[in-house]
Each structure stands twice: as C-alpha cells, then as structure tokens.
C-alpha cells in the first residue's frame, strides 16, 4: 500500500472543529447557517462540495454532488460509518438530482455531542430535520443504508409531508423487537454508564499506523472490502505525526444501546403515516438480525416487506440484489440502475397532513 492511497483531501479532519464539549459554532451561530468549505471534481466526474451546517452543539458536516437547484436527496450512512459511504454509488445515479450525504453527529467530520447530551435514535432523526431546515428543504427524498435507513424511515413517518421517496438499503423503517424487551433496561443502563465513563475519562484517543488502523477496521467490519475500508477511514480518521486516530465519539459503542425497538403492532401503525414511495433493497448475503445472533432467521424481514406491501400497495417496491451488507460500496452497480429508475419515476404522492 503506497503513501498516495492515504492522501487526505484538503478538508482534512484537522481543519474541522468537531466539538464534543465546548464546541464552537461557525461564525454567525445561526442554526440555518450553511458554509460551503470547498469544492473539487470527483474522479468519476461531477463536482463534490463540502458543507458545514451550524447546529446548537457545533456543526454537521456533509458533502454534496450536483446543483443545489436540482431535486434534493439526503443520504444517511450506517452506524459508525460516514458520508464517504456513498462515494461509489452516487456517481452512478442520475445527474439531475442534488445529493447531500451528511455525517451524523459523532461520526465522520461532524461535531461530537456536548458532554451530558446522549446519543439516541430520536436525536439522529432530529438531525435530519435540522439539516433540512439549514438547507431550506421543504420536501426531499431520503436514501439510507442500514441505521441511516432506519433513521430515514422514522423521519418519514414523523414528517410524512416532507419526504417524496424513501430508499432503504439493507435497512428497515424501524427496528423491531424480538427478544429485546427483556434487554431494554439493561441497554439503557449500559448506555448511561458508558457515557459517564467516557466523559470522566481523560484517556486520549489511540493513535496507530494506517495499516494497523485498516486491518483493525476490516476485522471488525467483515462485509467491507479493503478499498471501501480505506474510503471510510479517509473521512473517519484524523492524521497526526505518529499515525491515525478515529474521529468518532467514543461514547458511541454497541448500536442496540441507542436504538428504539418497537413492537410489530406499533410498526404497522407507524408505516400507515408514510406518504412517500418506498424502495427496499435487500442484499442476498446481507444481515437479517441486528445483533447477528440469529442471522439466519429471515422472518422479520418477511414481516417488514409484507407489512409495507399491504400498507403502501403500489407505492412499495422490494428488490433483492447479489452482495453483502455493504453492497452499495462493494458493488454499487448492482443497485444503481434500480435506484435511478425509482428516483426518476414520475409518480408523486401529494403532500398532506
């Protein structure tokens, strides 16, 4: 692996104030403040812009493809990933849309939440609403992978009039409980205890070599290929003289500590609020169970798809593609045509409250 493979763009994490205790607001301090930091041509064509959107605790970082005058699509990455998750897919999608991929708080180049402000599923949903307000979007489409799809699904049910189309990549609009009810209080307790422990700790972030960082990342993310691992780490790490350290907030650990599990009854009730057209893409070798403990059981996915189909009828489309949980990065061509056709379809559901 040559040094060139680790070259970071000019908006290197060191130039960003990620916040996380005493986070500074960008000049002006307005919640709707959007700063375009720089633009560059992508290697696949088109122009990529880096954005910095002011938030009460700091900022949300995002990258954008295309013209802001085109119909908007907000792209939401998976747990512990970042906006680079979409670098290989978006260049294959129609050029007549404005794609904005955000880093969730505590991820990528976005500010960490202030001490005492916990990471919770609903807070990430709130971030989507804040980003839409900052960009002055009244109606847009959502494209979410894994956890990002769940955030997008929850947003689409809470703010149904704002979402035109919802694309779920290896995801579900909500996370259904199976045997999780007995674990709920344990999860909440661990989340609080971990947050307090990290906030009290003065231990600096671990700095390792680029190769050690990559190998550790790939070991913990078996579905991510080496090239895609480097891409995620490019935005997910900061480079210092002795190596790299992860940007993400150390308060973020096991995802089930922060997810909102719901019952099947509440799932069916919630998706009735959807006004968007929904495309659900499932990878044949993807995940079926959040905790991976019973991943061969496809029953929950079948329940989700049948419920969406019976509720949304012609507004729902389900497609299986070959690949694993990160097929949108590893083989984006497997789904690019499907997503393109869906985004370009002219059927539009009138917004109503």
Protein backbone atom coordinates (compact mmCIF):
# COMPACT_ATOMS: atom_id res chain seq x y z
CA UNK A 1 0.00 0.00 0.00
CA UNK A 2 1.64 3.22 -1.15
CA UNK A 3 1.51 6.52 0.66
CA UNK A 4 -0.69 8.01 -2.07
CA UNK A 5 -3.57 5.73 -1.06
CA UNK A 6 -3.78 7.53 2.27
CA UNK A 7 -3.66 11.08 0.93
CA UNK A 8 -6.46 13.04 2.55
CA UNK A 9 -8.49 15.78 0.83
CA UNK A 10 -7.89 19.42 1.65
CA UNK A 11 -10.77 19.40 4.15
CA UNK A 12 -8.73 17.09 6.38
CA UNK A 13 -10.31 16.40 9.79
CA UNK A 14 -7.61 18.50 11.49
CA UNK A 15 -9.11 21.64 9.91
CA UNK A 16 -12.52 20.95 11.46
CA UNK A 17 -13.73 21.74 14.98
CA UNK A 18 -15.58 18.55 15.86
CA UNK A 19 -16.85 19.86 19.16
CA UNK A 20 -17.73 17.42 21.91
CA UNK A 21 -17.51 19.76 24.86
CA UNK A 22 -17.12 23.46 24.34
CA UNK A 23 -17.87 23.05 20.64
CA UNK A 24 -17.61 26.34 18.80
CA UNK A 25 -20.35 27.43 16.45
CA UNK A 26 -19.37 28.58 12.99
CA UNK A 27 -19.40 32.37 12.52
CA UNK A 28 -22.90 33.72 12.86
CA UNK A 29 -24.03 30.86 15.09
CA UNK A 30 -27.36 30.51 13.27
CA UNK A 31 -28.97 27.08 13.17
CA UNK A 32 -29.63 27.60 9.48
CA UNK A 33 -26.05 28.65 8.68
CA UNK A 34 -24.52 26.67 5.82
CA UNK A 35 -20.88 27.11 4.89
CA UNK A 36 -19.53 25.68 1.67
CA UNK A 37 -15.91 24.99 2.55
CA UNK A 38 -14.55 23.84 -0.78
CA UNK A 39 -15.43 22.05 -3.99
CA UNK A 40 -13.45 19.65 -6.12
CA UNK A 41 -14.07 17.46 -9.16
CA UNK A 42 -14.69 13.81 -8.34
CA UNK A 43 -12.63 11.11 -10.02
CA UNK A 44 -15.82 9.84 -11.66
CA UNK A 45 -16.97 13.22 -12.91
CA UNK A 46 -19.13 15.93 -11.38
CA UNK A 47 -18.40 18.37 -8.59
CA UNK A 48 -18.28 17.49 -4.91
CA UNK A 49 -18.77 20.25 -2.34
CA UNK A 50 -18.02 20.03 1.38
CA UNK A 51 -20.64 21.66 3.59
CA UNK A 52 -20.64 22.68 7.24
CA UNK A 53 -24.07 23.22 8.78
CA UNK A 54 -24.29 25.03 12.12
CA UNK A 55 -26.00 23.16 14.96
CA UNK A 56 -26.55 24.15 18.62
CA UNK A 57 -23.75 21.80 19.74
CA UNK A 58 -21.35 22.55 16.86
CA UNK A 59 -21.89 21.52 13.25
CA UNK A 60 -23.00 18.75 10.92
CA UNK A 61 -20.55 18.04 8.10
CA UNK A 62 -21.83 16.97 4.72
CA UNK A 63 -20.68 16.51 1.14
CA UNK A 64 -22.80 17.30 -1.89
CA UNK A 65 -22.90 16.24 -5.52
CA UNK A 66 -24.60 18.24 -8.27
CA UNK A 67 -26.51 21.51 -8.39
CA UNK A 68 -28.42 22.76 -5.36
CA UNK A 69 -31.15 23.80 -7.80
CA UNK A 70 -31.93 20.15 -8.61
CA UNK A 71 -34.38 17.96 -6.64
CA UNK A 72 -32.70 17.10 -3.32
CA UNK A 73 -31.79 13.65 -2.00
CA UNK A 74 -30.41 13.35 1.54
CA UNK A 75 -28.14 10.33 2.05
CA UNK A 76 -27.81 8.76 5.51
CA UNK A 77 -24.94 6.41 6.35
CA UNK A 78 -24.86 3.39 8.65
CA UNK A 79 -23.78 3.15 12.28
CA UNK A 80 -20.14 4.24 12.77
CA UNK A 81 -19.76 4.94 9.01
CA UNK A 82 -19.69 8.38 7.42
CA UNK A 83 -20.65 10.29 4.27
CA UNK A 84 -17.93 8.54 2.23
CA UNK A 85 -20.23 5.52 2.37
CA UNK A 86 -21.91 6.91 -0.78
CA UNK A 87 -18.81 7.91 -2.77
CA UNK A 88 -19.01 4.92 -5.11
CA UNK A 89 -22.80 4.83 -5.53
CA UNK A 90 -23.80 8.45 -6.14
CA UNK A 91 -21.63 8.96 -9.26
CA UNK A 92 -23.66 6.11 -10.85
CA UNK A 93 -27.01 7.77 -10.13
CA UNK A 94 -28.83 10.35 -12.30
CA UNK A 95 -27.03 13.69 -12.52
CA UNK A 96 -30.26 15.71 -12.36
CA UNK A 97 -30.53 15.42 -8.56
CA UNK A 98 -28.73 17.21 -5.72
CA UNK A 99 -27.27 14.56 -3.42
CA UNK A 100 -26.19 15.58 0.09
CA UNK A 101 -24.55 12.93 2.28
CA UNK A 102 -24.32 14.03 5.91
CA UNK A 103 -22.17 12.76 8.76
CA UNK A 104 -24.36 12.02 11.76
CA UNK A 105 -23.30 13.72 14.98
CA UNK A 106 -20.27 12.00 16.50
CA UNK A 107 -19.37 10.46 13.13
CA UNK A 108 -17.02 11.47 10.32
CA UNK A 109 -16.29 15.20 10.34
CA UNK A 110 -19.35 16.25 12.36
CA UNK A 111 -19.16 17.65 15.88
CA UNK A 112 -19.45 15.31 18.82
CA UNK A 113 -22.44 15.91 21.06
CA UNK A 114 -21.67 18.04 24.09
CA UNK A 115 -20.99 16.21 27.38
CA UNK A 116 -24.23 15.18 29.03
CA UNK A 117 -26.14 15.16 25.72
CA UNK A 118 -26.71 11.45 24.96
CA UNK A 119 -26.73 9.78 21.57
CA UNK A 120 -30.23 8.44 20.98
CA UNK A 121 -32.10 7.22 17.92
CA UNK A 122 -34.55 10.12 18.05
CA UNK A 123 -31.70 12.64 18.25
CA UNK A 124 -30.40 11.39 14.91
CA UNK A 125 -33.91 11.79 13.48
CA UNK A 126 -33.85 15.36 14.79
CA UNK A 127 -30.56 15.91 12.96
CA UNK A 128 -32.29 15.14 9.65
CA UNK A 129 -34.92 17.78 10.42
CA UNK A 130 -32.21 20.29 11.36
CA UNK A 131 -30.27 19.61 8.17
CA UNK A 132 -33.43 20.07 6.09
CA UNK A 133 -34.04 23.40 7.84
CA UNK A 134 -30.44 24.51 7.28
CA UNK A 135 -30.68 23.67 3.57
CA UNK A 136 -34.18 25.22 3.37
CA UNK A 137 -35.72 21.99 2.06
CA UNK A 138 -39.47 21.59 2.42
CA UNK A 139 -39.66 18.29 0.55
CA UNK A 140 -36.93 15.87 -0.45
CA UNK A 141 -36.06 12.21 -0.90
CA UNK A 142 -34.09 10.04 1.52
CA UNK A 143 -31.56 7.33 0.76
CA UNK A 144 -30.37 5.44 3.83
CA UNK A 145 -28.08 2.49 4.45
CA UNK A 146 -28.58 0.26 7.49
CA UNK A 147 -29.01 2.52 10.55
CA UNK A 148 -29.34 5.51 8.19
CA UNK A 149 -32.36 3.87 6.59
CA UNK A 150 -33.94 3.34 9.99
CA UNK A 151 -33.41 7.00 10.85
CA UNK A 152 -34.84 7.94 7.45
CA UNK A 153 -37.83 5.65 7.94
CA UNK A 154 -38.62 7.08 11.35
CA UNK A 155 -38.28 10.61 9.97
CA UNK A 156 -40.60 9.75 7.06
CA UNK A 157 -43.33 8.65 9.46
CA UNK A 158 -42.94 11.63 11.82
CA UNK A 159 -42.68 14.19 8.99
CA UNK A 160 -44.52 12.38 6.18
CA UNK A 161 -45.33 15.53 4.19
CA UNK A 162 -41.60 16.30 3.80
CA UNK A 163 -40.50 13.03 2.15
CA UNK A 164 -41.11 12.32 -1.52
CA UNK A 165 -39.25 8.99 -1.86
CA UNK A 166 -37.52 6.73 0.64
CA UNK A 167 -34.79 4.29 -0.40
CA UNK A 168 -33.85 1.66 2.20
CA UNK A 169 -30.53 -0.10 1.57
CA UNK A 170 -30.23 -3.16 3.79
CA UNK A 171 -32.50 -1.48 6.29
CA UNK A 172 -35.97 -1.22 7.77
CA UNK A 173 -38.07 1.86 8.58
CA UNK A 174 -37.94 0.83 12.26
CA UNK A 175 -36.15 -1.79 14.33
CA UNK A 176 -38.50 -4.48 15.54
CA UNK A 177 -38.03 -6.09 18.91
CA UNK A 178 -37.77 -9.86 19.01
CA UNK A 179 -36.35 -10.97 22.34
CA UNK A 180 -35.13 -7.46 23.09
CA UNK A 181 -37.80 -6.46 25.60
CA UNK A 182 -36.05 -8.27 28.44
CA UNK A 183 -32.80 -6.48 27.49
CA UNK A 184 -34.21 -2.97 27.18
CA UNK A 185 -33.46 -1.72 30.67
CA UNK A 186 -30.02 -3.32 30.54
CA UNK A 187 -29.28 -1.49 27.29
CA UNK A 188 -30.41 1.84 28.73
CA UNK A 189 -28.34 1.31 31.86
CA UNK A 190 -25.21 0.40 29.88
CA UNK A 191 -25.65 3.41 27.58
CA UNK A 192 -25.81 5.79 30.55
CA UNK A 193 -22.92 4.14 32.39
CA UNK A 194 -20.74 4.13 29.28
CA UNK A 195 -21.48 7.79 28.58
CA UNK A 196 -20.49 8.75 32.13
CA UNK A 197 -17.35 6.62 31.97
CA UNK A 198 -16.13 8.15 28.70
CA UNK A 199 -16.94 11.70 29.79
CA UNK A 200 -14.95 11.17 33.01
CA UNK A 201 -12.01 9.57 31.22
CA UNK A 202 -9.02 11.68 30.25
CA UNK A 203 -7.54 8.91 28.15
CA UNK A 204 -6.51 10.24 24.73
CA UNK A 205 -7.61 8.56 21.52
CA UNK A 206 -5.42 5.67 20.45
CA UNK A 207 -3.03 6.52 17.60
CA UNK A 208 -1.98 3.67 15.31
CA UNK A 209 -0.35 3.30 11.92
CA UNK A 210 -2.53 3.48 8.78
CA UNK A 211 -2.01 -0.25 8.13
CA UNK A 212 -2.91 -1.21 11.70
CA UNK A 213 -5.97 1.04 11.56
CA UNK A 214 -7.11 -0.52 8.30
CA UNK A 215 -6.61 -4.11 9.44
CA UNK A 216 -8.44 -3.45 12.71
CA UNK A 217 -11.29 -1.83 10.82
CA UNK A 218 -11.60 -4.73 8.37
CA UNK A 219 -11.52 -7.25 11.21
CA UNK A 220 -14.49 -5.56 12.85
CA UNK A 221 -16.33 -4.99 9.55
CA UNK A 222 -16.19 -8.28 7.68
CA UNK A 223 -18.55 -7.11 4.91
CA UNK A 224 -16.37 -4.13 3.96
CA UNK A 225 -13.69 -4.67 1.31
CA UNK A 226 -10.21 -3.19 1.65
CA UNK A 227 -10.76 -0.38 -0.86
CA UNK A 228 -14.03 0.63 0.80
CA UNK A 229 -12.44 0.39 4.23
CA UNK A 230 -9.80 2.91 3.18
CA UNK A 231 -12.54 5.17 1.83
CA UNK A 232 -14.46 5.17 5.13
CA UNK A 233 -11.29 5.67 7.16
CA UNK A 234 -10.28 8.60 4.96
CA UNK A 235 -13.15 10.62 6.42
CA UNK A 236 -13.35 8.73 9.69
CA UNK A 237 -9.82 9.35 10.97
CA UNK A 238 -7.50 12.22 11.77
CA UNK A 239 -3.86 12.09 10.76
CA UNK A 240 -1.17 13.20 13.20
CA UNK A 241 2.61 12.88 13.12
CA UNK A 242 2.63 9.39 14.66
CA UNK A 243 -0.32 7.87 12.78
CA UNK A 244 -4.12 7.98 12.74
CA UNK A 245 -6.89 8.09 15.32
CA UNK A 246 -10.62 7.59 14.88
CA UNK A 247 -12.77 10.72 14.70
CA UNK A 248 -15.92 9.15 16.07
CA UNK A 249 -17.16 9.89 19.56
CA UNK A 250 -16.05 7.20 21.99
CA UNK A 251 -19.45 7.35 23.68
CA UNK A 252 -20.86 5.51 20.65
CA UNK A 253 -20.48 1.77 21.14
CA UNK A 254 -22.89 -1.10 20.58
CA UNK A 255 -25.78 0.17 18.47
CA UNK A 256 -28.51 -1.61 20.43
CA UNK A 257 -27.78 0.72 23.37
CA UNK A 258 -29.12 3.63 21.33
CA UNK A 259 -31.80 2.12 19.09
CA UNK A 260 -35.52 2.46 19.67
CA UNK A 261 -37.01 -1.02 19.36
CA UNK A 262 -40.73 -1.12 18.63
CA UNK A 263 -43.39 -3.82 18.59
CA UNK A 264 -44.93 -5.21 15.41
CA UNK A 265 -48.20 -3.51 16.29
CA UNK A 266 -46.51 -0.11 16.55
CA UNK A 267 -44.57 -0.79 13.34
CA UNK A 268 -47.79 -1.38 11.38
CA UNK A 269 -49.42 1.68 12.94
CA UNK A 270 -46.39 3.88 12.16
CA UNK A 271 -45.94 2.95 8.50
CA UNK A 272 -49.56 3.93 7.86
CA UNK A 273 -48.32 7.51 8.23
CA UNK A 274 -45.96 7.16 5.27
CA UNK A 275 -46.75 9.30 2.25
CA UNK A 276 -43.51 8.56 0.45
CA UNK A 277 -42.92 5.94 -2.19
CA UNK A 278 -40.60 3.33 -0.69
CA UNK A 279 -37.89 1.21 -2.32
CA UNK A 280 -36.46 -1.56 -0.13
CA UNK A 281 -33.25 -3.17 -1.45
CA UNK A 282 -32.06 -6.30 0.36
CA UNK A 283 -28.69 -7.97 -0.29
CA UNK A 284 -28.79 -11.74 -0.60
CA UNK A 285 -25.83 -12.10 1.77
CA UNK A 286 -26.76 -9.16 3.99
CA UNK A 287 -27.74 -9.07 7.65
CA UNK A 288 -31.14 -10.12 8.96
CA UNK A 289 -30.64 -9.72 12.69
CA UNK A 290 -29.30 -6.59 14.39
CA UNK A 291 -27.23 -8.46 16.95
CA UNK A 292 -26.17 -11.16 14.43
CA UNK A 293 -27.15 -13.83 16.98
CA UNK A 294 -29.94 -15.33 14.88
CA UNK A 295 -28.99 -14.01 11.47
CA UNK A 296 -30.34 -16.96 9.51
CA UNK A 297 -33.91 -16.12 10.54
CA UNK A 298 -35.49 -14.13 7.70
CA UNK A 299 -38.92 -13.98 9.32
CA UNK A 300 -38.59 -10.39 10.50
CA UNK A 301 -37.62 -9.17 7.01
CA UNK A 302 -40.59 -11.04 5.57
CA UNK A 303 -42.87 -9.34 8.10
CA UNK A 304 -41.44 -5.91 7.25
CA UNK A 305 -41.82 -6.39 3.49
CA UNK A 306 -45.31 -7.87 3.69
CA UNK A 307 -46.46 -5.08 6.03
CA UNK A 308 -45.04 -2.37 3.76
CA UNK A 309 -46.54 -4.00 0.67
CA UNK A 310 -50.01 -4.40 2.16
CA UNK A 311 -49.98 -0.85 3.57
CA UNK A 312 -48.37 1.09 0.72
CA UNK A 313 -49.52 -1.13 -2.16
CA UNK A 314 -48.24 0.37 -5.46
CA UNK A 315 -46.05 2.82 -3.53
CA UNK A 316 -43.79 -0.02 -2.34
CA UNK A 317 -41.08 -1.84 -4.27
CA UNK A 318 -38.89 -4.66 -2.95
CA UNK A 319 -35.76 -5.85 -4.76
CA UNK A 320 -33.04 -8.35 -3.88
CA UNK A 321 -29.53 -7.88 -5.24
CA UNK A 322 -26.43 -10.06 -5.02
CA UNK A 323 -23.92 -8.93 -2.42
CA UNK A 324 -23.48 -8.37 1.30
CA UNK A 325 -24.45 -5.65 3.76
CA UNK A 326 -22.09 -3.16 2.07
CA UNK A 327 -23.10 -3.93 -1.50
CA UNK A 328 -23.74 -0.19 -2.03
CA UNK A 329 -19.98 0.30 -1.64
CA UNK A 330 -18.52 -3.01 -2.80
CA UNK A 331 -20.65 -3.47 -5.94
CA UNK A 332 -22.70 -0.27 -6.35
CA UNK A 333 -23.51 -1.22 -9.94
CA UNK A 334 -25.80 -3.96 -8.59
CA UNK A 335 -28.27 -1.39 -7.30
CA UNK A 336 -27.51 1.85 -9.16
CA UNK A 337 -29.94 1.15 -12.01
CA UNK A 338 -32.73 0.18 -9.62
CA UNK A 339 -32.31 3.34 -7.55
CA UNK A 340 -32.01 5.51 -10.65
CA UNK A 341 -35.29 4.23 -12.09
CA UNK A 342 -37.00 4.72 -8.74
CA UNK A 343 -35.77 8.29 -8.28
CA UNK A 344 -36.70 9.22 -11.85
CA UNK A 345 -40.18 7.70 -11.70
CA UNK A 346 -42.77 10.43 -12.16
CA UNK A 347 -45.40 9.15 -9.73
CA UNK A 348 -45.65 11.58 -6.87
CA UNK A 349 -47.89 11.39 -3.87
CA UNK A 350 -49.38 14.79 -2.94
CA UNK A 351 -48.21 16.01 0.45
CA UNK A 352 -50.92 16.25 3.07
CA UNK A 353 -51.12 16.35 6.85
